[in-house]
C-alpha cells in the first residue's frame, strides 16, 4: 500500500517512515477489525463453524499473498529503471486474483454448509465490498 500510494500520488510526505507506519497501522487495524466483525457476525447468526473455516481460508490466502508479493515489492523497490509501474500493476493484479479466489472459496464454503442466500449476500456486501468502495472513495478525494 505504501509503494502504491507513493507511485500513484506525488510524494508530499517529508518523513517516509512516519507515512509507512501510518499505512501499516491503518492496514493492520482494517484486517483486525474485519476479522472481529466476522467473528461477531458468526456468533450473532450461530454460524461459528462456517465463519471459522472462512477465516482460516482468509488467513491462508493472506499468507500466500504476502509470500507472492514479497518479490514484487523488492522489484519495485530496487528496480534500476525509471518505469517501475509494471511491477506495481503486477502486484495489484495478483492481489485481485487472490481476492477473487478468496470470494470463490467463501461462496463454496457457504453453499456446502446449506447456508442461507440472504446471509451470504449480507456477509459479502457488508464485509467485503463496502469497505473497498469506501476505501476507493477516500483515496480518490
N, C-alpha and C. Protein backbone atom coordinates (compact mmCIF):
# COMPACT_ATOMS: atom_id res chain seq x y z
N UNK A 1 0.84 -1.18 0.00
CA UNK A 1 0.00 0.00 0.00
C UNK A 1 0.88 1.24 0.00
N UNK A 2 1.94 1.21 0.77
CA UNK A 2 2.86 2.35 0.83
C UNK A 2 3.46 2.63 -0.53
N UNK A 3 3.92 1.60 -1.22
CA UNK A 3 4.52 1.80 -2.53
C UNK A 3 3.49 2.24 -3.56
N UNK A 4 2.29 1.72 -3.47
CA UNK A 4 1.25 2.10 -4.42
C UNK A 4 0.85 3.57 -4.24
N UNK A 5 0.71 4.00 -3.00
CA UNK A 5 0.36 5.40 -2.75
C UNK A 5 1.49 6.31 -3.22
N UNK A 6 2.73 5.93 -2.97
CA UNK A 6 3.86 6.74 -3.43
C UNK A 6 3.96 6.76 -4.94
N UNK A 7 3.56 5.71 -5.59
CA UNK A 7 3.64 5.66 -7.06
C UNK A 7 2.53 6.48 -7.72
N UNK A 8 1.31 6.35 -7.21
CA UNK A 8 0.17 6.99 -7.86
C UNK A 8 -0.03 8.44 -7.47
N UNK A 9 0.54 8.87 -6.37
CA UNK A 9 0.43 10.27 -5.96
C UNK A 9 1.82 10.88 -5.89
N UNK A 10 1.85 12.18 -5.90
CA UNK A 10 3.14 12.87 -5.74
C UNK A 10 3.58 12.71 -4.29
N UNK A 11 4.82 12.29 -4.06
CA UNK A 11 5.27 12.11 -2.67
C UNK A 11 5.40 13.46 -1.97
N UNK A 12 4.41 13.80 -1.19
CA UNK A 12 4.39 15.07 -0.49
C UNK A 12 4.71 14.92 0.99
N UNK A 13 5.17 13.76 1.36
CA UNK A 13 5.43 13.48 2.76
C UNK A 13 6.92 13.65 3.04
N UNK A 14 7.21 14.44 4.05
CA UNK A 14 8.61 14.69 4.40
C UNK A 14 9.25 13.46 5.03
N UNK A 15 8.51 12.84 5.91
CA UNK A 15 9.04 11.71 6.65
C UNK A 15 8.42 10.42 6.10
N UNK A 16 9.18 9.67 5.32
CA UNK A 16 8.66 8.44 4.73
C UNK A 16 8.37 7.37 5.76
N UNK A 17 9.16 7.33 6.83
CA UNK A 17 8.95 6.34 7.87
C UNK A 17 7.61 6.57 8.58
N UNK A 18 7.30 7.81 8.84
CA UNK A 18 6.04 8.13 9.51
C UNK A 18 4.85 7.72 8.62
N UNK A 19 4.96 8.01 7.34
CA UNK A 19 3.88 7.63 6.42
C UNK A 19 3.78 6.12 6.28
N UNK A 20 4.93 5.43 6.27
CA UNK A 20 4.91 3.97 6.21
C UNK A 20 4.23 3.39 7.45
N UNK A 21 4.57 3.91 8.63
CA UNK A 21 3.94 3.42 9.86
C UNK A 21 2.45 3.71 9.87
N UNK A 22 2.06 4.85 9.31
CA UNK A 22 0.64 5.17 9.22
C UNK A 22 -0.06 4.18 8.31
N UNK A 23 0.51 3.88 7.15
CA UNK A 23 -0.07 2.90 6.23
C UNK A 23 -0.16 1.52 6.87
N UNK A 24 0.91 1.13 7.56
CA UNK A 24 0.94 -0.17 8.22
C UNK A 24 -0.13 -0.27 9.30
N UNK A 25 -0.26 0.78 10.12
CA UNK A 25 -1.23 0.71 11.22
C UNK A 25 -2.67 0.73 10.69
N UNK A 26 -2.93 1.49 9.65
CA UNK A 26 -4.28 1.50 9.07
C UNK A 26 -4.61 0.14 8.47
N UNK A 27 -3.66 -0.46 7.77
CA UNK A 27 -3.89 -1.76 7.16
C UNK A 27 -4.09 -2.85 8.22
N UNK A 28 -3.25 -2.84 9.25
CA UNK A 28 -3.39 -3.83 10.31
C UNK A 28 -4.71 -3.65 11.05
N UNK A 29 -5.09 -2.42 11.32
CA UNK A 29 -6.37 -2.17 12.00
C UNK A 29 -7.54 -2.63 11.14
N UNK A 30 -7.44 -2.42 9.83
CA UNK A 30 -8.51 -2.85 8.93
C UNK A 30 -8.69 -4.36 8.99
N UNK A 31 -7.59 -5.11 8.91
CA UNK A 31 -7.71 -6.57 8.91
C UNK A 31 -8.15 -7.11 10.27
N UNK A 32 -7.68 -6.51 11.34
CA UNK A 32 -8.10 -6.95 12.68
C UNK A 32 -9.58 -6.65 12.90
N UNK A 33 -10.01 -5.46 12.51
CA UNK A 33 -11.42 -5.10 12.67
C UNK A 33 -12.31 -5.97 11.80
N UNK A 34 -11.86 -6.26 10.59
CA UNK A 34 -12.63 -7.12 9.69
C UNK A 34 -12.80 -8.52 10.30
N UNK A 35 -11.73 -9.04 10.87
CA UNK A 35 -11.80 -10.36 11.49
C UNK A 35 -12.74 -10.35 12.70
N UNK A 36 -12.69 -9.28 13.48
CA UNK A 36 -13.57 -9.18 14.64
C UNK A 36 -15.04 -9.09 14.23
N UNK A 37 -15.32 -8.36 13.17
CA UNK A 37 -16.70 -8.25 12.69
C UNK A 37 -17.18 -9.60 12.18
N UNK A 38 -16.32 -10.32 11.48
CA UNK A 38 -16.69 -11.66 11.03
C UNK A 38 -17.00 -12.56 12.22
N UNK A 39 -16.14 -12.54 13.24
CA UNK A 39 -16.38 -13.38 14.43
C UNK A 39 -17.68 -13.00 15.11
N UNK A 40 -17.92 -11.70 15.25
CA UNK A 40 -19.14 -11.24 15.91
C UNK A 40 -20.37 -11.63 15.11
N UNK A 41 -20.32 -11.47 13.80
CA UNK A 41 -21.49 -11.84 12.99
C UNK A 41 -21.70 -13.35 12.99
N UNK A 42 -20.62 -14.12 13.10
CA UNK A 42 -20.75 -15.57 13.21
C UNK A 42 -21.43 -15.98 14.50
N UNK A 43 -21.06 -15.31 15.60
CA UNK A 43 -21.72 -15.59 16.88
C UNK A 43 -23.18 -15.17 16.84
N UNK A 44 -23.43 -14.03 16.20
CA UNK A 44 -24.78 -13.50 16.15
C UNK A 44 -25.72 -14.39 15.34
N UNK A 45 -25.23 -14.95 14.26
CA UNK A 45 -26.07 -15.79 13.39
C UNK A 45 -25.90 -17.28 13.67
N UNK A 46 -25.13 -17.61 14.68
CA UNK A 46 -24.89 -19.00 15.09
C UNK A 46 -24.28 -19.83 13.96
N UNK A 47 -23.34 -19.24 13.27
CA UNK A 47 -22.63 -19.91 12.18
C UNK A 47 -21.14 -19.89 12.45
N UNK A 48 -20.75 -20.24 13.67
CA UNK A 48 -19.35 -20.15 14.08
C UNK A 48 -18.44 -21.03 13.24
N UNK A 49 -18.87 -22.24 12.95
CA UNK A 49 -18.02 -23.19 12.24
C UNK A 49 -17.73 -22.70 10.82
N UNK A 50 -18.76 -22.22 10.14
CA UNK A 50 -18.57 -21.73 8.77
C UNK A 50 -17.67 -20.50 8.74
N UNK A 51 -17.89 -19.59 9.68
CA UNK A 51 -17.08 -18.36 9.72
C UNK A 51 -15.64 -18.69 10.08
N UNK A 52 -15.43 -19.62 11.00
CA UNK A 52 -14.06 -20.02 11.34
C UNK A 52 -13.35 -20.65 10.14
N UNK A 53 -14.08 -21.45 9.37
CA UNK A 53 -13.48 -22.04 8.18
C UNK A 53 -13.14 -20.97 7.15
N UNK A 54 -14.02 -20.00 6.97
CA UNK A 54 -13.75 -18.92 6.03
C UNK A 54 -12.56 -18.08 6.51
N UNK A 55 -12.49 -17.79 7.80
CA UNK A 55 -11.37 -17.01 8.33
C UNK A 55 -10.05 -17.77 8.20
N UNK A 56 -10.10 -19.09 8.35
CA UNK A 56 -8.91 -19.91 8.14
C UNK A 56 -8.43 -19.78 6.70
N UNK A 57 -9.36 -19.85 5.75
CA UNK A 57 -9.00 -19.69 4.34
C UNK A 57 -8.51 -18.28 4.06
N UNK A 58 -9.10 -17.29 4.70
CA UNK A 58 -8.67 -15.91 4.52
C UNK A 58 -7.24 -15.72 5.03
N UNK A 59 -6.94 -16.31 6.17
CA UNK A 59 -5.57 -16.23 6.70
C UNK A 59 -4.58 -16.91 5.76
N UNK A 60 -4.96 -18.07 5.23
CA UNK A 60 -4.06 -18.77 4.30
C UNK A 60 -3.82 -17.96 3.03
N UNK A 61 -4.86 -17.36 2.48
CA UNK A 61 -4.69 -16.56 1.27
C UNK A 61 -3.88 -15.30 1.57
N UNK A 62 -4.06 -14.71 2.74
CA UNK A 62 -3.24 -13.55 3.11
C UNK A 62 -1.77 -13.93 3.24
N UNK A 63 -1.49 -15.09 3.78
CA UNK A 63 -0.10 -15.54 3.88
C UNK A 63 0.51 -15.80 2.50
N UNK A 64 -0.26 -16.43 1.64
CA UNK A 64 0.21 -16.70 0.28
C UNK A 64 0.45 -15.39 -0.46
N UNK A 65 -0.46 -14.44 -0.30
CA UNK A 65 -0.27 -13.15 -0.98
C UNK A 65 0.96 -12.43 -0.46
N UNK A 66 1.26 -12.56 0.82
CA UNK A 66 2.49 -11.97 1.35
C UNK A 66 3.73 -12.60 0.75
N UNK A 67 3.71 -13.93 0.62
CA UNK A 67 4.86 -14.61 0.02
C UNK A 67 5.02 -14.28 -1.46
N UNK A 68 3.92 -14.18 -2.17
CA UNK A 68 3.99 -13.88 -3.60
C UNK A 68 4.36 -12.42 -3.84
N UNK A 69 3.85 -11.52 -3.00
CA UNK A 69 4.11 -10.10 -3.21
C UNK A 69 5.49 -9.64 -2.72
N UNK A 70 6.16 -10.44 -1.92
CA UNK A 70 7.48 -10.05 -1.43
C UNK A 70 8.46 -9.79 -2.58
N UNK A 71 8.59 -10.69 -3.57
CA UNK A 71 9.48 -10.36 -4.70
C UNK A 71 8.99 -9.16 -5.51
N UNK A 72 7.69 -8.98 -5.62
CA UNK A 72 7.16 -7.84 -6.36
C UNK A 72 7.54 -6.53 -5.66
N UNK A 73 7.45 -6.52 -4.34
CA UNK A 73 7.83 -5.33 -3.58
C UNK A 73 9.33 -5.06 -3.72
N UNK A 74 10.13 -6.11 -3.68
CA UNK A 74 11.57 -5.92 -3.85
C UNK A 74 11.92 -5.42 -5.25
N UNK A 75 11.25 -5.94 -6.26
CA UNK A 75 11.49 -5.46 -7.63
C UNK A 75 11.09 -3.99 -7.74
N UNK A 76 9.98 -3.65 -7.14
CA UNK A 76 9.52 -2.26 -7.19
C UNK A 76 10.47 -1.33 -6.43
N UNK A 77 11.06 -1.83 -5.40
CA UNK A 77 11.96 -1.01 -4.59
C UNK A 77 13.33 -0.85 -5.23
N UNK A 78 13.87 -1.91 -5.79
CA UNK A 78 15.24 -1.89 -6.29
C UNK A 78 15.36 -1.94 -7.80
N UNK A 79 14.28 -1.73 -8.54
CA UNK A 79 14.32 -1.76 -9.99
C UNK A 79 15.15 -0.58 -10.50
N UNK A 80 16.17 -0.80 -11.34
CA UNK A 80 17.09 0.29 -11.67
C UNK A 80 16.59 1.26 -12.74
N UNK A 81 15.44 1.00 -13.36
CA UNK A 81 14.98 1.86 -14.44
C UNK A 81 13.91 2.84 -13.95
N UNK A 82 13.54 3.75 -14.82
CA UNK A 82 12.57 4.78 -14.45
C UNK A 82 11.15 4.22 -14.28
N UNK A 83 10.74 3.37 -15.22
CA UNK A 83 9.36 2.89 -15.21
C UNK A 83 9.23 1.64 -14.35
N UNK A 84 8.80 1.84 -13.11
CA UNK A 84 8.59 0.72 -12.19
C UNK A 84 7.12 0.35 -12.09
N UNK A 85 6.28 0.94 -12.91
CA UNK A 85 4.84 0.72 -12.81
C UNK A 85 4.40 -0.69 -13.12
N UNK A 86 5.11 -1.38 -14.00
CA UNK A 86 4.67 -2.74 -14.36
C UNK A 86 4.71 -3.67 -13.17
N UNK A 87 5.70 -3.51 -12.28
CA UNK A 87 5.78 -4.36 -11.08
C UNK A 87 4.62 -4.06 -10.14
N UNK A 88 4.28 -2.79 -10.03
CA UNK A 88 3.16 -2.42 -9.17
C UNK A 88 1.84 -2.93 -9.73
N UNK A 89 1.65 -2.80 -11.03
CA UNK A 89 0.43 -3.33 -11.64
C UNK A 89 0.37 -4.85 -11.54
N UNK A 90 1.51 -5.51 -11.64
CA UNK A 90 1.55 -6.96 -11.46
C UNK A 90 1.12 -7.33 -10.04
N UNK A 91 1.59 -6.59 -9.05
CA UNK A 91 1.19 -6.84 -7.66
C UNK A 91 -0.30 -6.64 -7.45
N UNK A 92 -0.85 -5.58 -8.04
CA UNK A 92 -2.28 -5.33 -7.91
C UNK A 92 -3.08 -6.43 -8.59
N UNK A 93 -2.61 -6.88 -9.75
CA UNK A 93 -3.28 -7.98 -10.45
C UNK A 93 -3.25 -9.26 -9.63
N UNK A 94 -2.12 -9.56 -9.01
CA UNK A 94 -2.01 -10.75 -8.16
C UNK A 94 -2.96 -10.65 -6.97
N UNK A 95 -3.03 -9.47 -6.36
CA UNK A 95 -3.95 -9.29 -5.23
C UNK A 95 -5.40 -9.48 -5.66
N UNK A 96 -5.75 -8.97 -6.82
CA UNK A 96 -7.13 -9.16 -7.31
C UNK A 96 -7.44 -10.63 -7.57
N UNK A 97 -6.50 -11.34 -8.16
CA UNK A 97 -6.72 -12.78 -8.39
C UNK A 97 -6.89 -13.54 -7.08
N UNK A 98 -6.07 -13.24 -6.10
CA UNK A 98 -6.19 -13.93 -4.81
C UNK A 98 -7.47 -13.53 -4.08
N UNK A 99 -7.89 -12.28 -4.25
CA UNK A 99 -9.14 -11.84 -3.63
C UNK A 99 -10.33 -12.55 -4.26
N UNK A 100 -10.31 -12.70 -5.57
CA UNK A 100 -11.39 -13.44 -6.25
C UNK A 100 -11.38 -14.90 -5.81
N UNK A 101 -10.20 -15.47 -5.63
CA UNK A 101 -10.09 -16.86 -5.14
C UNK A 101 -10.67 -16.97 -3.73
N UNK A 102 -10.42 -15.96 -2.90
CA UNK A 102 -10.98 -15.97 -1.54
C UNK A 102 -12.50 -15.89 -1.58
N UNK A 103 -13.04 -15.03 -2.42
CA UNK A 103 -14.50 -14.93 -2.53
C UNK A 103 -15.10 -16.23 -3.05
N UNK A 104 -14.43 -16.84 -4.03
CA UNK A 104 -14.90 -18.12 -4.56
C UNK A 104 -14.90 -19.18 -3.48
N UNK A 105 -13.84 -19.23 -2.70
CA UNK A 105 -13.74 -20.21 -1.62
C UNK A 105 -14.81 -19.97 -0.57
N UNK A 106 -15.08 -18.70 -0.25
CA UNK A 106 -16.12 -18.38 0.72
C UNK A 106 -17.50 -18.81 0.24
N UNK A 107 -17.77 -18.59 -1.03
CA UNK A 107 -19.06 -19.00 -1.58
C UNK A 107 -19.20 -20.52 -1.55
N UNK A 108 -18.11 -21.22 -1.89
CA UNK A 108 -18.16 -22.69 -1.84
C UNK A 108 -18.39 -23.20 -0.43
N UNK A 109 -17.75 -22.58 0.56
CA UNK A 109 -17.93 -22.99 1.96
C UNK A 109 -19.38 -22.79 2.37
N UNK A 110 -19.92 -21.64 2.03
CA UNK A 110 -21.28 -21.34 2.48
C UNK A 110 -22.32 -22.16 1.75
N UNK A 111 -22.11 -22.47 0.49
CA UNK A 111 -23.06 -23.34 -0.22
C UNK A 111 -22.96 -24.78 0.26
N UNK A 112 -21.76 -25.22 0.61
CA UNK A 112 -21.57 -26.59 1.09
C UNK A 112 -22.27 -26.81 2.42
N UNK A 113 -22.38 -25.79 3.22
CA UNK A 113 -22.97 -25.91 4.55
C UNK A 113 -24.46 -25.61 4.57
N UNK A 114 -25.10 -25.53 3.40
CA UNK A 114 -26.53 -25.20 3.30
C UNK A 114 -26.81 -23.87 3.99
N UNK A 115 -26.01 -22.89 3.67
CA UNK A 115 -26.10 -21.56 4.26
C UNK A 115 -27.17 -20.75 3.53
N UNK A 116 -27.85 -19.88 4.22
CA UNK A 116 -28.89 -19.07 3.62
C UNK A 116 -28.29 -18.08 2.61
N UNK A 117 -28.95 -17.92 1.48
CA UNK A 117 -28.50 -16.99 0.44
C UNK A 117 -28.53 -15.56 0.97
N UNK A 118 -29.49 -15.25 1.83
CA UNK A 118 -29.57 -13.91 2.42
C UNK A 118 -28.33 -13.62 3.25
N UNK A 119 -27.90 -14.57 4.08
CA UNK A 119 -26.69 -14.37 4.89
C UNK A 119 -25.46 -14.25 4.00
N UNK A 120 -25.41 -15.05 2.95
CA UNK A 120 -24.30 -14.96 2.02
C UNK A 120 -24.21 -13.58 1.40
N UNK A 121 -25.33 -13.06 0.94
CA UNK A 121 -25.38 -11.71 0.38
C UNK A 121 -25.00 -10.67 1.41
N UNK A 122 -25.50 -10.82 2.63
CA UNK A 122 -25.21 -9.88 3.71
C UNK A 122 -23.72 -9.87 4.05
N UNK A 123 -23.12 -11.04 4.19
CA UNK A 123 -21.70 -11.12 4.52
C UNK A 123 -20.84 -10.48 3.45
N UNK A 124 -21.06 -10.86 2.21
CA UNK A 124 -20.16 -10.38 1.17
C UNK A 124 -20.36 -8.90 0.85
N UNK A 125 -21.57 -8.42 0.96
CA UNK A 125 -21.78 -7.00 0.68
C UNK A 125 -21.23 -6.12 1.80
N UNK A 126 -21.53 -6.49 3.04
CA UNK A 126 -21.12 -5.62 4.14
C UNK A 126 -19.67 -5.78 4.54
N UNK A 127 -19.12 -6.96 4.40
CA UNK A 127 -17.77 -7.17 4.91
C UNK A 127 -16.70 -7.23 3.83
N UNK A 128 -17.08 -7.39 2.59
CA UNK A 128 -16.07 -7.47 1.53
C UNK A 128 -16.14 -6.29 0.57
N UNK A 129 -17.33 -5.95 0.11
CA UNK A 129 -17.43 -4.95 -0.95
C UNK A 129 -17.53 -3.53 -0.42
N UNK A 130 -18.29 -3.30 0.63
CA UNK A 130 -18.47 -1.94 1.15
C UNK A 130 -17.15 -1.33 1.62
N UNK A 131 -16.28 -2.04 2.36
CA UNK A 131 -15.01 -1.42 2.74
C UNK A 131 -14.14 -1.05 1.53
N UNK A 132 -14.19 -1.83 0.47
CA UNK A 132 -13.41 -1.49 -0.73
C UNK A 132 -13.96 -0.25 -1.40
N UNK A 133 -15.26 -0.10 -1.45
CA UNK A 133 -15.86 1.09 -2.05
C UNK A 133 -15.54 2.32 -1.20
N UNK A 134 -15.62 2.19 0.10
CA UNK A 134 -15.28 3.31 0.98
C UNK A 134 -13.81 3.69 0.87
N UNK A 135 -12.94 2.70 0.79
CA UNK A 135 -11.52 2.96 0.64
C UNK A 135 -11.23 3.67 -0.68
N UNK A 136 -11.89 3.24 -1.74
CA UNK A 136 -11.73 3.90 -3.04
C UNK A 136 -12.21 5.35 -2.98
N UNK A 137 -13.33 5.58 -2.32
CA UNK A 137 -13.86 6.92 -2.22
C UNK A 137 -12.94 7.83 -1.41
N UNK A 138 -12.37 7.31 -0.33
CA UNK A 138 -11.45 8.09 0.49
C UNK A 138 -10.17 8.40 -0.28
N UNK A 139 -9.63 7.41 -0.97
CA UNK A 139 -8.38 7.62 -1.68
C UNK A 139 -8.56 8.47 -2.93
N UNK A 140 -9.73 8.47 -3.53
CA UNK A 140 -9.93 9.27 -4.74
C UNK A 140 -10.09 10.75 -4.42
N UNK A 141 -10.38 11.10 -3.19
CA UNK A 141 -10.50 12.51 -2.83
C UNK A 141 -9.16 13.03 -2.57
